């Protein structure tokens, strides 16, 4: 068994039971024959960028859908999400005065963990929806049956999305000269949209001054963009792993950065063992049950060489726990000497509204982010950035924000297939709040 296959046979969580092993073997064989979606060199470049974040010289902005859908792999959906990401990045860049590393939670986020293996409605119990890569959202026996052929659809939908992202970020649409065009439709008239327009006007003046001086750097016209998703279905990830001839290392070329979820980060489990043997940057979600010893052991297992930019810890502890749970973890990891990029995922403050729809309160997200910054400020460590779930559409899935979306509004456009997402107006609200936190450090 090669070093990249040592995860097989270890305890593994959150895997579907594929009902047709012959078809599954055929699908995996086909995935192994398909071209990679990213390159080892791109993964190494991202690692270098993340090393700058670890040193306090840059900030991470990672975000996208909670769970992508095959139907959402379209030009309009993808470019709307990218526009939202760019708007937030501009606000953070303007405030923090450091580069913002833009990582999409897209082009591969087609599988999701689930707290329960089944879902019951009335007298009917069916397998839980685990993302389009596994089964369908419709509550019917046929749709909910895991279908391994969906793994091939996930690959092709990821390829389509990445092609769209590359065209958008390299073809002029992401140029800072288009900054006003990003502030369109329902966002432009919001308080955050008007505030963004003032920043856009100042950027215009700065670009005009640079042009007058004969300066026109490439960075003004293009954006470095990176893809990421949760490495949940390890057979899929292993099928898209390749040995780089130049370095001899193994890379998972389904995305630039892969992360291990809080439900699958068992120290003796398959996901951590798998991640040990790939050369990509790796993220790990740390929930409120994480102990300092857990974090130190994860650092030792996943980054034994203490390579800057290799390991990102994404805290998802909830507003009520972060100020209490995070400090001893940061202190222990710092004492261990392992370089870590610290990122805050405030998107797990969820509750069920009286209408039965799961939602999040914007103020709870802000409270967790504020706690994240307070901890790092007190300990002298760098708050490396954000991991958020959002869409560029005008959905009504999270309550609060400057628009003051109420629980009674949720039914208007509640479209998520998984957890509730911020809409673009709420993303801008969040961006300005975080910008103020960076400016006040």
Protein backbone atom coordinates (compact mmCIF):
# COMPACT_ATOMS: atom_id res chain seq x y z
CA UNK A 1 0.00 0.00 0.00
CA UNK A 2 1.40 3.42 -0.98
CA UNK A 3 1.67 6.13 1.66
CA UNK A 4 -1.33 7.95 0.13
CA UNK A 5 -3.51 4.85 0.61
CA UNK A 6 -2.83 4.24 4.31
CA UNK A 7 -6.22 5.71 5.24
CA UNK A 8 -8.02 2.67 3.85
CA UNK A 9 -9.15 0.36 6.62
CA UNK A 10 -9.14 3.07 9.30
CA UNK A 11 -12.37 4.26 10.95
CA UNK A 12 -14.12 6.60 8.53
CA UNK A 13 -17.10 8.84 9.19
CA UNK A 14 -19.82 10.36 7.03
CA UNK A 15 -19.50 8.05 4.01
CA UNK A 16 -22.55 6.99 1.99
CA UNK A 17 -23.35 3.33 1.50
CA UNK A 18 -22.99 2.94 -2.26
CA UNK A 19 -25.45 0.16 -3.21
CA UNK A 20 -23.73 -1.02 -6.43
CA UNK A 21 -20.05 -1.91 -5.83
CA UNK A 22 -19.45 -2.86 -9.49
CA UNK A 23 -20.71 0.50 -10.74
CA UNK A 24 -18.75 2.25 -7.99
CA UNK A 25 -15.47 0.61 -9.05
CA UNK A 26 -16.16 1.65 -12.65
CA UNK A 27 -16.82 5.26 -11.65
CA UNK A 28 -13.63 5.47 -9.57
CA UNK A 29 -11.62 4.00 -12.46
CA UNK A 30 -13.03 6.66 -14.80
CA UNK A 31 -12.27 9.45 -12.31
CA UNK A 32 -8.66 8.25 -12.12
CA UNK A 33 -8.38 8.60 -15.90
CA UNK A 34 -9.73 12.16 -16.06
CA UNK A 35 -7.49 15.25 -16.13
CA UNK A 36 -6.82 17.08 -12.85
CA UNK A 37 -8.84 20.20 -12.11
CA UNK A 38 -5.91 22.19 -10.68
CA UNK A 39 -2.11 21.87 -10.82
CA UNK A 40 0.51 21.17 -8.15
CA UNK A 41 2.14 24.50 -8.90
CA UNK A 42 -1.08 26.36 -8.16
CA UNK A 43 -1.41 24.52 -4.84
CA UNK A 44 2.13 25.53 -3.92
CA UNK A 45 1.42 29.13 -4.84
CA UNK A 46 -1.57 29.16 -2.50
CA UNK A 47 0.60 27.69 0.25
CA UNK A 48 3.01 30.58 -0.22
CA UNK A 49 0.12 33.08 0.03
CA UNK A 50 -1.15 31.41 3.20
CA UNK A 51 2.33 31.61 4.69
CA UNK A 52 2.03 35.38 4.33
CA UNK A 53 -1.28 35.26 6.21
CA UNK A 54 0.37 33.29 9.01
CA UNK A 55 3.03 36.02 9.24
CA UNK A 56 0.33 38.69 9.52
CA UNK A 57 1.03 40.09 6.05
CA UNK A 58 -2.26 39.08 4.39
CA UNK A 59 -5.86 38.07 5.11
CA UNK A 60 -7.95 35.10 3.94
CA UNK A 61 -11.46 35.43 2.56
CA UNK A 62 -12.96 32.00 1.94
CA UNK A 63 -16.59 31.57 1.02
CA UNK A 64 -19.39 30.30 -1.15
CA UNK A 65 -22.39 28.02 -0.96
CA UNK A 66 -22.96 25.72 1.98
CA UNK A 67 -23.59 23.01 -0.62
CA UNK A 68 -23.25 23.57 -4.35
CA UNK A 69 -25.76 22.01 -6.70
CA UNK A 70 -25.33 20.68 -10.21
CA UNK A 71 -28.09 23.04 -11.37
CA UNK A 72 -26.08 25.95 -9.96
CA UNK A 73 -23.04 25.31 -12.15
CA UNK A 74 -24.05 28.14 -14.49
CA UNK A 75 -22.42 31.34 -15.65
CA UNK A 76 -24.88 33.65 -13.88
CA UNK A 77 -24.77 31.84 -10.53
CA UNK A 78 -20.98 31.54 -10.55
CA UNK A 79 -20.25 35.12 -11.59
CA UNK A 80 -22.74 36.47 -9.04
CA UNK A 81 -20.93 34.62 -6.25
CA UNK A 82 -17.55 35.81 -7.54
CA UNK A 83 -18.79 39.40 -7.68
CA UNK A 84 -19.92 39.14 -4.07
CA UNK A 85 -16.55 37.67 -3.04
CA UNK A 86 -14.72 40.50 -4.83
CA UNK A 87 -16.84 43.18 -3.18
CA UNK A 88 -16.12 41.82 0.28
CA UNK A 89 -12.42 41.45 -0.60
CA UNK A 90 -12.18 45.08 -1.73
CA UNK A 91 -13.67 46.28 1.56
CA UNK A 92 -11.24 44.14 3.58
CA UNK A 93 -8.25 45.16 1.45
CA UNK A 94 -9.14 48.81 1.83
CA UNK A 95 -9.44 48.45 5.60
CA UNK A 96 -6.63 46.05 6.46
CA UNK A 97 -4.22 47.53 3.89
CA UNK A 98 -2.86 44.05 3.16
CA UNK A 99 -3.56 41.57 0.33
CA UNK A 100 -6.71 39.46 0.64
CA UNK A 101 -6.33 35.82 -0.44
CA UNK A 102 -9.57 34.92 -2.22
CA UNK A 103 -10.59 31.27 -1.84
CA UNK A 104 -13.92 30.08 -3.18
CA UNK A 105 -15.96 27.48 -1.39
CA UNK A 106 -16.95 26.26 -4.83
CA UNK A 107 -16.13 24.05 -7.82
CA UNK A 108 -16.28 20.99 -5.58
CA UNK A 109 -18.54 21.56 -2.56
CA UNK A 110 -21.07 19.00 -3.75
CA UNK A 111 -21.03 16.76 -0.67
CA UNK A 112 -22.05 17.62 2.88
CA UNK A 113 -21.84 15.80 6.20
CA UNK A 114 -25.10 15.17 7.99
CA UNK A 115 -25.72 14.75 11.73
CA UNK A 116 -28.10 11.82 11.11
CA UNK A 117 -27.97 9.09 8.44
CA UNK A 118 -31.72 9.30 7.79
CA UNK A 119 -34.51 11.87 7.60
CA UNK A 120 -38.09 11.23 8.66
CA UNK A 121 -41.16 13.07 7.40
CA UNK A 122 -44.40 11.79 8.82
CA UNK A 123 -44.30 8.02 8.63
CA UNK A 124 -41.60 7.92 5.94
CA UNK A 125 -37.88 7.53 6.71
CA UNK A 126 -35.33 7.89 3.91
CA UNK A 127 -31.55 8.42 3.66
CA UNK A 128 -30.52 12.00 4.50
CA UNK A 129 -29.58 14.32 1.66
CA UNK A 130 -25.77 14.38 1.54
CA UNK A 131 -25.25 16.74 -1.38
CA UNK A 132 -25.66 16.38 -5.12
CA UNK A 133 -22.49 14.28 -5.35
CA UNK A 134 -24.30 11.55 -3.39
CA UNK A 135 -28.08 11.77 -3.82
CA UNK A 136 -30.96 14.08 -4.65
CA UNK A 137 -32.75 16.65 -2.49
CA UNK A 138 -36.25 15.47 -3.40
CA UNK A 139 -37.78 13.42 -0.60
CA UNK A 140 -38.42 10.22 -2.53
CA UNK A 141 -36.87 6.73 -2.40
CA UNK A 142 -35.34 7.05 -5.86
CA UNK A 143 -33.83 10.51 -5.29
CA UNK A 144 -32.43 9.71 -1.85
CA UNK A 145 -30.72 6.49 -2.92
CA UNK A 146 -26.94 7.12 -3.13
CA UNK A 147 -25.84 6.99 -6.77
CA UNK A 148 -22.09 6.73 -7.44
CA UNK A 149 -22.54 8.09 -10.98
CA UNK A 150 -23.15 11.45 -9.35
CA UNK A 151 -19.43 11.57 -8.54
CA UNK A 152 -18.73 11.95 -12.25
CA UNK A 153 -21.30 14.73 -12.46
CA UNK A 154 -19.57 16.42 -9.51
CA UNK A 155 -16.25 16.30 -11.36
CA UNK A 156 -17.71 17.81 -14.53
CA UNK A 157 -19.70 20.46 -12.66
CA UNK A 158 -16.49 21.38 -10.80
CA UNK A 159 -14.61 21.66 -14.08
CA UNK A 160 -17.30 23.91 -15.58
CA UNK A 161 -17.31 26.14 -12.50
CA UNK A 162 -13.52 26.43 -12.42
CA UNK A 163 -13.45 27.37 -16.11
CA UNK A 164 -15.99 30.11 -15.44
CA UNK A 165 -13.99 31.35 -12.43
CA UNK A 166 -10.77 31.49 -14.44
CA UNK A 167 -12.45 33.34 -17.30
CA UNK A 168 -14.02 35.85 -14.90
CA UNK A 169 -10.92 36.51 -12.80
CA UNK A 170 -8.43 36.62 -15.69
CA UNK A 171 -10.56 38.07 -18.49
CA UNK A 172 -11.18 41.60 -17.24
CA UNK A 173 -14.43 41.25 -15.29
CA UNK A 174 -12.47 41.20 -12.01
CA UNK A 175 -10.47 44.32 -12.92
CA UNK A 176 -10.58 47.06 -10.31
CA UNK A 177 -11.69 49.30 -13.16
CA UNK A 178 -14.98 47.38 -12.98
CA UNK A 179 -15.42 48.02 -9.27
CA UNK A 180 -18.57 50.13 -9.75
CA UNK A 181 -20.15 47.41 -11.88
CA UNK A 182 -19.93 44.95 -8.96
CA UNK A 183 -22.27 47.19 -6.93
CA UNK A 184 -25.42 46.65 -8.96
CA UNK A 185 -29.09 45.62 -8.53
CA UNK A 186 -30.52 45.19 -5.02
CA UNK A 187 -27.20 45.93 -3.28
CA UNK A 188 -26.51 49.39 -4.67
CA UNK A 189 -29.37 51.08 -2.79
CA UNK A 190 -28.55 49.56 0.61
CA UNK A 191 -26.55 51.51 3.23
CA UNK A 192 -23.62 49.11 2.76
CA UNK A 193 -23.91 49.47 -1.01
CA UNK A 194 -23.71 53.25 -0.77
CA UNK A 195 -20.71 52.93 1.53
CA UNK A 196 -19.08 50.58 -0.98
CA UNK A 197 -19.72 53.11 -3.74
CA UNK A 198 -17.68 55.68 -1.85
CA UNK A 199 -14.77 53.22 -1.66
CA UNK A 200 -15.18 52.49 -5.38
CA UNK A 201 -14.96 56.20 -6.16
CA UNK A 202 -11.73 56.52 -4.15
CA UNK A 203 -10.32 53.49 -5.99
CA UNK A 204 -11.19 55.17 -9.29
CA UNK A 205 -9.27 58.27 -8.27
CA UNK A 206 -6.26 56.21 -7.20
CA UNK A 207 -6.28 54.31 -10.52
CA UNK A 208 -6.55 57.56 -12.47
CA UNK A 209 -3.54 58.94 -10.57
CA UNK A 210 -1.54 55.77 -11.26
CA UNK A 211 -2.49 55.93 -14.95
CA UNK A 212 -1.38 59.54 -15.11
CA UNK A 213 1.96 58.46 -13.67
CA UNK A 214 2.31 55.75 -16.30
CA UNK A 215 1.71 52.92 -13.82
CA UNK A 216 -0.71 50.15 -14.82
CA UNK A 217 0.15 46.96 -12.90
CA UNK A 218 -1.33 43.61 -13.88
CA UNK A 219 -2.75 43.18 -10.37
CA UNK A 220 -5.29 45.91 -11.18
CA UNK A 221 -6.78 43.88 -14.01
CA UNK A 222 -6.71 40.28 -12.81
CA UNK A 223 -7.33 38.39 -9.57
CA UNK A 224 -5.63 35.32 -8.15
CA UNK A 225 -8.44 32.96 -7.22
CA UNK A 226 -8.28 29.60 -5.46
CA UNK A 227 -10.78 26.76 -5.08
CA UNK A 228 -11.56 24.72 -1.97
CA UNK A 229 -14.04 22.21 -0.63
CA UNK A 230 -14.47 19.79 2.23
CA UNK A 231 -12.60 16.55 1.59
CA UNK A 232 -15.50 14.38 2.69
CA UNK A 233 -15.76 11.56 0.12
CA UNK A 234 -12.27 10.14 0.32
CA UNK A 235 -12.67 7.71 -2.59
CA UNK A 236 -13.41 10.69 -4.85
CA UNK A 237 -10.48 12.68 -3.46
CA UNK A 238 -8.10 9.74 -3.80
CA UNK A 239 -9.18 9.18 -7.41
CA UNK A 240 -8.22 12.77 -8.25
CA UNK A 241 -4.88 12.63 -6.44
CA UNK A 242 -1.77 12.56 -8.59
CA UNK A 243 1.99 12.27 -8.04
CA UNK A 244 3.78 15.42 -9.17
CA UNK A 245 6.74 14.34 -11.37
CA UNK A 246 8.72 17.44 -10.41
CA UNK A 247 8.61 16.97 -6.64
CA UNK A 248 7.55 13.36 -6.22
CA UNK A 249 4.81 14.50 -3.82
CA UNK A 250 1.15 13.57 -3.99
CA UNK A 251 -1.42 16.32 -4.53
CA UNK A 252 -5.21 16.14 -4.45
CA UNK A 253 -5.93 17.97 -7.69
CA UNK A 254 -9.67 18.32 -7.20
CA UNK A 255 -9.03 21.71 -5.54
CA UNK A 256 -6.23 23.95 -4.34
CA UNK A 257 -7.16 23.68 -0.66
CA UNK A 258 -9.05 20.85 1.05
CA UNK A 259 -10.43 20.94 4.55
CA UNK A 260 -11.43 18.32 7.10
CA UNK A 261 -14.72 18.94 8.86
CA UNK A 262 -15.32 18.99 12.59
CA UNK A 263 -17.29 15.74 12.23
CA UNK A 264 -14.45 13.89 10.47
CA UNK A 265 -11.28 15.16 12.20
CA UNK A 266 -10.84 12.08 14.45
CA UNK A 267 -7.14 11.83 15.29
CA UNK A 268 -7.07 8.10 14.48
CA UNK A 269 -9.50 8.34 11.58
CA UNK A 270 -9.21 8.03 7.83
CA UNK A 271 -9.61 11.73 6.97
CA UNK A 272 -6.65 12.92 9.03
CA UNK A 273 -4.53 10.01 7.83
CA UNK A 274 -5.42 10.79 4.20
CA UNK A 275 -4.58 14.48 4.61
CA UNK A 276 -1.17 13.68 6.08
CA UNK A 277 0.04 12.37 2.72
CA UNK A 278 -1.04 15.10 0.30
CA UNK A 279 0.94 18.27 -0.34
CA UNK A 280 -1.97 20.71 -0.68
CA UNK A 281 -2.67 23.31 1.95
CA UNK A 282 -5.04 21.69 4.47
CA UNK A 283 -7.75 23.23 6.62
CA UNK A 284 -9.34 21.72 9.71
CA UNK A 285 -12.63 22.87 11.25
CA UNK A 286 -12.42 23.17 15.05
CA UNK A 287 -15.74 23.06 16.89
CA UNK A 288 -16.50 23.92 20.52
CA UNK A 289 -15.55 20.42 21.71
CA UNK A 290 -11.95 20.83 20.48
CA UNK A 291 -9.33 20.60 23.21
CA UNK A 292 -5.89 22.22 23.18
CA UNK A 293 -4.40 18.71 23.02
CA UNK A 294 -6.53 17.94 19.93
CA UNK A 295 -5.26 21.04 18.14
CA UNK A 296 -1.62 20.35 19.01
CA UNK A 297 -1.92 16.74 17.84
CA UNK A 298 -3.55 17.84 14.58
CA UNK A 299 -0.69 20.30 14.08
CA UNK A 300 1.86 17.56 14.68
CA UNK A 301 0.13 15.03 12.40
CA UNK A 302 -0.71 17.34 9.52
CA UNK A 303 2.32 19.61 9.55
CA UNK A 304 5.23 17.70 11.13
CA UNK A 305 7.77 19.78 9.18
CA UNK A 306 6.14 22.99 10.46
CA UNK A 307 5.86 24.31 6.92
CA UNK A 308 4.40 27.84 6.77
CA UNK A 309 1.13 27.97 4.85
CA UNK A 310 0.47 24.25 5.09
CA UNK A 311 -2.15 24.25 7.87
CA UNK A 312 -5.22 26.42 8.44
CA UNK A 313 -7.40 26.05 11.54
CA UNK A 314 -10.96 27.24 10.94
CA UNK A 315 -12.73 27.89 14.22
CA UNK A 316 -16.49 27.24 14.22
CA UNK A 317 -17.30 27.46 17.92
CA UNK A 318 -20.40 29.63 18.16
CA UNK A 319 -20.77 33.08 19.66
CA UNK A 320 -21.35 31.71 23.16
CA UNK A 321 -18.19 29.59 23.24
CA UNK A 322 -15.42 31.24 21.25
CA UNK A 323 -14.13 33.60 23.95
CA UNK A 324 -13.92 30.68 26.40
CA UNK A 325 -12.74 27.80 24.18
CA UNK A 326 -10.37 29.46 21.72
CA UNK A 327 -7.72 31.10 23.99
CA UNK A 328 -6.22 27.90 25.46
CA UNK A 329 -6.17 26.34 21.98
CA UNK A 330 -4.28 29.27 20.46
CA UNK A 331 -1.88 29.33 23.41
CA UNK A 332 -1.17 25.59 23.13
CA UNK A 333 -0.58 25.68 19.38
CA UNK A 334 1.64 28.74 19.70
CA UNK A 335 3.67 27.06 22.45
CA UNK A 336 4.05 23.99 20.23
CA UNK A 337 5.64 26.24 17.60
CA UNK A 338 3.51 25.08 14.68
CA UNK A 339 2.74 27.83 12.13
CA UNK A 340 -1.04 28.02 11.71
CA UNK A 341 -3.38 30.29 9.76
CA UNK A 342 -6.30 31.14 12.08
CA UNK A 343 -9.62 31.71 10.31
CA UNK A 344 -13.09 32.28 11.78
CA UNK A 345 -16.17 30.45 10.49
CA UNK A 346 -19.09 32.16 12.28
CA UNK A 347 -21.76 30.33 10.29
CA UNK A 348 -22.76 27.69 12.84
CA UNK A 349 -24.96 29.88 15.02
CA UNK A 350 -28.15 28.34 13.66
CA UNK A 351 -31.64 27.91 15.10
CA UNK A 352 -35.07 26.86 13.84
CA UNK A 353 -37.56 29.71 13.36
CA UNK A 354 -41.24 29.35 14.36
CA UNK A 355 -42.01 28.61 10.69
CA UNK A 356 -39.74 25.55 10.84
CA UNK A 357 -36.99 27.07 8.65
CA UNK A 358 -33.42 26.85 9.91
CA UNK A 359 -31.79 30.28 10.00
CA UNK A 360 -28.98 32.32 11.53
CA UNK A 361 -29.01 35.68 13.27
CA UNK A 362 -26.63 38.23 11.75
CA UNK A 363 -25.82 39.68 15.18
CA UNK A 364 -24.68 36.24 16.39
CA UNK A 365 -22.25 36.00 13.47
CA UNK A 366 -20.85 39.43 14.31
CA UNK A 367 -20.57 38.47 17.98
CA UNK A 368 -18.50 35.39 17.13
CA UNK A 369 -16.23 37.33 14.79
CA UNK A 370 -15.75 40.00 17.45
CA UNK A 371 -14.81 37.28 19.94
CA UNK A 372 -12.37 35.78 17.45
CA UNK A 373 -10.63 39.13 17.02
CA UNK A 374 -10.65 39.80 20.77
CA UNK A 375 -8.91 36.51 21.51
CA UNK A 376 -6.18 37.08 18.94
CA UNK A 377 -5.74 40.68 20.00
CA UNK A 378 -5.24 39.60 23.60
CA UNK A 379 -2.77 36.86 22.69
CA UNK A 380 -0.83 38.84 20.09
CA UNK A 381 -1.67 36.45 17.25
CA UNK A 382 -3.00 37.29 13.82
CA UNK A 383 -6.74 36.94 13.08
CA UNK A 384 -6.19 35.50 9.62
CA UNK A 385 -9.58 35.94 8.04
CA UNK A 386 -13.08 34.62 7.42
CA UNK A 387 -14.79 31.49 6.16
CA UNK A 388 -18.42 32.32 5.29
CA UNK A 389 -21.36 30.73 3.51
CA UNK A 390 -23.08 33.10 1.11
CA UNK A 391 -24.76 33.53 -2.22
CA UNK A 392 -24.80 36.55 -4.49
CA UNK A 393 -28.57 36.29 -4.83
CA UNK A 394 -31.19 38.25 -2.86
CA UNK A 395 -32.20 35.26 -0.75
CA UNK A 396 -33.95 35.48 2.62
CA UNK A 397 -32.23 32.81 4.69
CA UNK A 398 -30.45 34.67 7.54
CA UNK A 399 -32.20 37.23 9.74
CA UNK A 400 -30.82 40.65 10.62
CA UNK A 401 -28.27 42.89 8.97
CA UNK A 402 -28.78 46.53 8.05
CA UNK A 403 -31.82 45.54 5.98
CA UNK A 404 -33.23 44.01 9.19
CA UNK A 405 -34.55 40.82 7.62
CA UNK A 406 -37.09 39.32 10.01
CA UNK A 407 -38.10 35.72 10.68
CA UNK A 408 -41.40 36.41 8.95
CA UNK A 409 -39.46 37.26 5.75
CA UNK A 410 -37.66 33.92 5.48
CA UNK A 411 -40.31 32.28 3.30
CA UNK A 412 -39.89 34.88 0.52
CA UNK A 413 -36.72 33.39 -0.99
CA UNK A 414 -35.49 30.52 1.14
CA UNK A 415 -33.60 28.52 -1.48
CA UNK A 416 -30.70 26.75 0.22
CA UNK A 417 -30.40 22.97 -0.06
CA UNK A 418 -28.40 22.84 3.17
CA UNK A 419 -27.75 25.58 5.74
CA UNK A 420 -28.88 29.23 5.46
CA UNK A 421 -26.57 31.60 3.58
CA UNK A 422 -25.91 35.31 3.75
CA UNK A 423 -27.16 37.29 0.77
CA UNK A 424 -24.90 39.83 -0.91
CA UNK A 425 -26.27 42.78 1.02
CA UNK A 426 -25.60 40.98 4.31
CA UNK A 427 -22.12 40.04 3.07
CA UNK A 428 -21.30 43.70 2.59
CA UNK A 429 -22.67 44.51 6.04
CA UNK A 430 -20.38 41.82 7.43
CA UNK A 431 -17.41 43.09 5.41
CA UNK A 432 -17.63 46.62 6.81
CA UNK A 433 -17.95 45.33 10.36
CA UNK A 434 -14.86 43.15 9.95
CA UNK A 435 -13.06 46.03 8.23
CA UNK A 436 -13.63 48.14 11.33
CA UNK A 437 -12.17 45.34 13.47
CA UNK A 438 -9.02 45.23 11.34
CA UNK A 439 -8.65 49.00 11.48
CA UNK A 440 -8.98 49.04 15.25
CA UNK A 441 -6.27 46.45 15.92
